[in-house]
Protein backbone atom coordinates (compact mmCIF):
# COMPACT_ATOMS: atom_id res chain seq x y z
CA UNK A 1 106.48 69.32 83.67
CA UNK A 2 104.25 72.23 82.61
CA UNK A 3 106.07 75.33 81.36
CA UNK A 4 104.16 78.55 82.12
CA UNK A 5 104.97 82.12 81.02
CA UNK A 6 103.11 85.11 82.50
CA UNK A 7 103.08 88.22 80.25
CA UNK A 8 102.23 91.90 80.72
CA UNK A 9 103.53 95.04 79.01
CA UNK A 10 106.79 95.94 80.75
CA UNK A 11 107.40 92.91 82.97
CA UNK A 12 107.80 95.00 86.14
CA UNK A 13 104.34 94.85 87.78
CA UNK A 14 101.72 92.28 86.83
CA UNK A 15 103.65 89.45 85.18
CA UNK A 16 106.51 89.27 87.73
CA UNK A 17 103.87 89.41 90.48
CA UNK A 18 102.04 86.50 88.81
CA UNK A 19 105.32 84.59 88.52
CA UNK A 20 106.07 85.21 92.20
CA UNK A 21 102.56 84.41 93.41
CA UNK A 22 102.41 81.20 91.38
CA UNK A 23 105.94 80.10 92.38
CA UNK A 24 105.12 80.77 96.05
CA UNK A 25 101.87 78.81 95.76
CA UNK A 26 103.64 75.85 94.14
CA UNK A 27 106.31 75.84 96.85
CA UNK A 28 103.65 75.84 99.57
CA UNK A 29 101.70 73.07 97.83
CA UNK A 30 104.82 70.95 97.20
CA UNK A 31 104.30 71.07 93.43
CA UNK A 32 107.20 73.33 92.38
CA UNK A 33 108.95 70.47 90.59
CA UNK A 34 105.93 70.09 88.29
CA UNK A 35 106.28 73.56 86.75
CA UNK A 36 108.72 75.81 84.95
CA UNK A 37 107.61 79.37 85.74
CA UNK A 38 108.75 82.61 84.09
CA UNK A 39 107.48 86.05 83.12
CA UNK A 40 108.09 88.53 80.32
CA UNK A 41 106.77 91.73 78.80
CA UNK A 42 105.62 92.44 75.28
CA UNK A 43 107.59 95.72 75.28
CA UNK A 44 111.29 96.30 75.91
CA UNK A 45 110.84 99.29 78.24
CA UNK A 46 112.25 97.63 81.35
CA UNK A 47 114.57 94.86 80.14
CA UNK A 48 116.97 94.02 82.97
CA UNK A 49 115.05 96.07 85.55
CA UNK A 50 113.81 94.81 88.90
CA UNK A 51 110.06 94.69 89.46
CA UNK A 52 108.45 98.01 90.45
CA UNK A 53 109.33 98.83 94.08
CA UNK A 54 105.64 99.31 94.94
CA UNK A 55 104.79 95.85 93.62
CA UNK A 56 107.73 94.34 95.45
CA UNK A 57 106.57 95.91 98.73
CA UNK A 58 102.96 94.81 98.26
CA UNK A 59 104.02 91.27 97.35
CA UNK A 60 106.53 91.08 100.22
CA UNK A 61 103.76 91.97 102.67
CA UNK A 62 102.05 88.76 101.48
CA UNK A 63 105.19 86.63 101.77
CA UNK A 64 106.09 86.76 98.07
CA UNK A 65 109.60 87.89 97.17
CA UNK A 66 110.09 89.45 93.71
CA UNK A 67 113.48 91.15 94.20
CA UNK A 68 115.51 88.56 92.29
CA UNK A 69 113.41 88.85 89.12
CA UNK A 70 114.52 90.93 86.13
CA UNK A 71 112.43 92.26 83.27
CA UNK A 72 112.74 90.68 79.85
CA UNK A 73 110.89 90.95 76.57
CA UNK A 74 108.89 88.11 75.06
CA UNK A 75 110.70 86.46 72.13
CA UNK A 76 109.58 84.07 69.39
CA UNK A 77 111.43 81.20 71.08
CA UNK A 78 109.05 81.52 74.06
CA UNK A 79 106.29 80.07 71.87
CA UNK A 80 108.32 76.88 71.50
CA UNK A 81 109.72 76.79 75.04
CA UNK A 82 106.46 77.26 77.00
CA UNK A 83 103.27 75.18 77.04
CA UNK A 84 101.00 77.96 78.26
CA UNK A 85 101.48 81.71 77.84
CA UNK A 86 99.19 83.77 80.06
CA UNK A 87 98.42 87.39 79.13
CA UNK A 88 97.33 89.94 81.70
CA UNK A 89 95.16 91.98 79.32
CA UNK A 90 93.70 92.07 75.80
CA UNK A 91 96.37 94.42 74.45
CA UNK A 92 99.16 92.07 75.48
CA UNK A 93 97.17 89.11 74.16
CA UNK A 94 96.95 90.85 70.77
CA UNK A 95 100.71 91.51 70.84
CA UNK A 96 101.36 87.85 71.65
CA UNK A 97 99.04 86.64 68.89
CA UNK A 98 100.94 88.86 66.44
CA UNK A 99 104.29 87.44 67.56
CA UNK A 100 103.21 83.78 67.74
CA UNK A 101 104.78 81.72 64.93
CA UNK A 102 102.62 79.30 62.96
CA UNK A 103 104.69 76.39 64.28
CA UNK A 104 103.99 77.22 67.94
CA UNK A 105 102.22 74.70 70.12
CA UNK A 106 101.90 77.09 73.08
CA UNK A 107 98.39 77.78 74.32
CA UNK A 108 97.58 81.48 74.75
CA UNK A 109 95.13 82.31 77.55
CA UNK A 110 94.07 85.30 79.63
CA UNK A 111 95.01 85.38 83.32
CA UNK A 112 91.44 86.04 84.38
CA UNK A 113 90.18 83.05 82.43
CA UNK A 114 91.07 81.52 85.81
CA UNK A 115 89.69 82.50 89.18
CA UNK A 116 86.41 84.07 90.18
CA UNK A 117 86.74 87.73 89.21
CA UNK A 118 84.10 89.41 87.09
CA UNK A 119 86.90 91.40 85.43
CA UNK A 120 88.34 90.16 82.14
CA UNK A 121 91.73 91.83 82.47
CA UNK A 122 94.25 92.36 85.25
CA UNK A 123 94.44 96.17 85.46
CA UNK A 124 97.85 97.84 85.16
CA UNK A 125 98.62 99.42 88.57
CA UNK A 126 101.66 101.37 87.35
CA UNK A 127 100.10 104.85 87.23
CA UNK A 128 97.83 104.43 90.25
CA UNK A 129 98.13 104.23 94.01
CA UNK A 130 98.97 101.45 96.44
CA UNK A 131 95.42 100.03 96.33
CA UNK A 132 95.95 99.13 92.66
CA UNK A 133 98.87 96.87 93.54
CA UNK A 134 96.81 95.20 96.25
CA UNK A 135 93.93 94.66 93.79
CA UNK A 136 96.32 93.08 91.27
CA UNK A 137 97.71 90.73 93.92
CA UNK A 138 94.17 89.77 95.02
CA UNK A 139 93.28 88.94 91.40
CA UNK A 140 96.52 87.03 90.82
CA UNK A 141 96.24 84.99 94.02
CA UNK A 142 92.71 83.89 93.08
CA UNK A 143 93.56 83.17 89.43
CA UNK A 144 96.81 81.35 90.23
CA UNK A 145 95.07 79.15 92.79
CA UNK A 146 92.41 78.19 90.22
CA UNK A 147 95.05 77.62 87.50
CA UNK A 148 97.08 75.46 89.91
CA UNK A 149 94.02 73.38 90.86
CA UNK A 150 93.19 72.72 87.21
CA UNK A 151 96.66 71.64 86.18
CA UNK A 152 97.72 69.73 89.28
CA UNK A 153 94.62 67.55 89.07
CA UNK A 154 95.66 66.43 85.56
């Protein structure tokens, strides 16, 4: 079983969307039992909060339900609990690298290391309009599908 953690800043937009998109994909592909899937944020701004209502609405329109998720902050134990920790952008990657203990065996990667986008980071849609949430979901669907293909074939 592969344990995957998706990480953004506040854990209310990008990382819960990635968790939901990937969980939905695994359920559709019949591979849900092969993964443990979670999300977290590098900051404590939204601990205990539901995902952003705009992200929930955009995800729901694609058949992905995020309402049951709650924000949490990344902790040192995550580096021992998860096999792969996936950052949405370089700033969060730097935060994760600073938190990662020397004894960790978790692999740190960027979300857009997967998929076909020419972007290197998943942009934060929080301060923008509805099209930003749609763009994030497009990027996450593509990257999650590629990630799934690579790890299910192993």
